[in-house]
Amino acid sequence: MSNRSIIIMVLILIGATAYLLLKGDGNVDMSGEKHGSEAAHMEEGTKDLPTASPASPTAAPIAETKK
């Protein structure tokens, strides 16, 4: 590869990186793993999950006991 093609490739990569950084929200949390009340994103994720009711086919069957 010539020096010219390497420079062009580097400029394209710099341009793509700048585009992605400017296009993104910028709300990147780099503070690490959160627990407890700080972990608000966990509550949002569990809202959409269906809960298993006893009548649902995915619920575990209840074992019958003999008297």
Protein backbone atom coordinates (compact mmCIF):
# COMPACT_ATOMS: atom_id res chain seq x y z
CA MET A 1 0.00 0.00 0.00
CA SER A 2 1.20 3.43 -0.75
CA ASN A 3 1.36 6.24 1.76
CA ARG A 4 -1.37 8.05 -0.12
CA SER A 5 -3.89 5.20 0.27
CA ILE A 6 -3.06 4.85 3.97
CA ILE A 7 -3.68 8.57 4.53
CA ILE A 8 -7.00 8.36 2.65
CA MET A 9 -8.05 5.34 4.72
CA VAL A 10 -7.17 7.10 7.98
CA LEU A 11 -9.13 10.20 6.93
CA ILE A 12 -12.16 8.06 6.07
CA LEU A 13 -11.98 6.35 9.47
CA ILE A 14 -11.63 9.70 11.26
CA GLY A 15 -14.63 11.03 9.33
CA ALA A 16 -16.75 7.97 10.16
CA THR A 17 -15.79 8.20 13.83
CA ALA A 18 -16.64 11.91 13.96
CA TYR A 19 -19.98 11.26 12.22
CA LEU A 20 -20.93 8.53 14.69
CA LEU A 21 -19.92 10.64 17.69
CA LEU A 22 -21.88 13.65 16.47
CA LYS A 23 -24.92 11.60 15.44
CA GLY A 24 -25.16 9.74 18.76
CA ASP A 25 -27.02 10.98 21.81
CA GLY A 26 -23.97 11.62 23.89
CA ASN A 27 -25.70 10.12 26.94
CA VAL A 28 -23.09 7.44 27.47
CA ASP A 29 -22.76 6.43 31.12
CA MET A 30 -19.17 5.38 31.80
CA SER A 31 -19.48 5.24 35.60
CA GLY A 32 -19.77 1.45 35.79
CA GLU A 33 -22.33 -1.00 37.08
CA LYS A 34 -25.12 0.45 39.22
CA HIS A 35 -27.13 -1.23 41.97
CA GLY A 36 -30.18 -0.33 43.99
CA SER A 37 -32.10 2.87 43.38
CA GLU A 38 -29.49 4.14 40.91
CA ALA A 39 -30.32 1.30 38.48
CA ALA A 40 -33.43 2.91 36.96
CA HIS A 41 -32.90 1.13 33.63
CA MET A 42 -33.69 -2.21 35.27
CA GLU A 43 -37.21 -1.10 36.19
CA GLU A 44 -37.91 0.01 32.62
CA GLY A 45 -36.81 -3.34 31.22
CA THR A 46 -39.08 -5.40 33.46
CA LYS A 47 -42.27 -3.52 32.51
CA ASP A 48 -42.54 -5.27 29.14
CA LEU A 49 -42.00 -8.80 30.46
CA PRO A 50 -45.15 -10.93 30.72
CA THR A 51 -45.89 -12.44 34.09
CA ALA A 52 -46.69 -16.12 34.35
CA SER A 53 -50.14 -16.78 35.76
CA PRO A 54 -51.19 -20.19 37.14
CA ALA A 55 -53.51 -20.70 34.16
CA SER A 56 -50.80 -20.08 31.59
CA PRO A 57 -49.39 -23.07 29.70
CA THR A 58 -45.84 -22.07 30.60
CA ALA A 59 -46.49 -22.37 34.34
CA ALA A 60 -45.13 -25.47 36.05
CA PRO A 61 -47.79 -28.14 36.65
CA ILE A 62 -48.89 -28.65 40.22
CA ALA A 63 -48.20 -32.14 41.53
CA GLU A 64 -51.27 -33.92 42.87
CA THR A 65 -50.96 -35.45 46.29
CA LYS A 66 -52.75 -38.66 47.31
CA LYS A 67 -54.49 -38.76 50.66
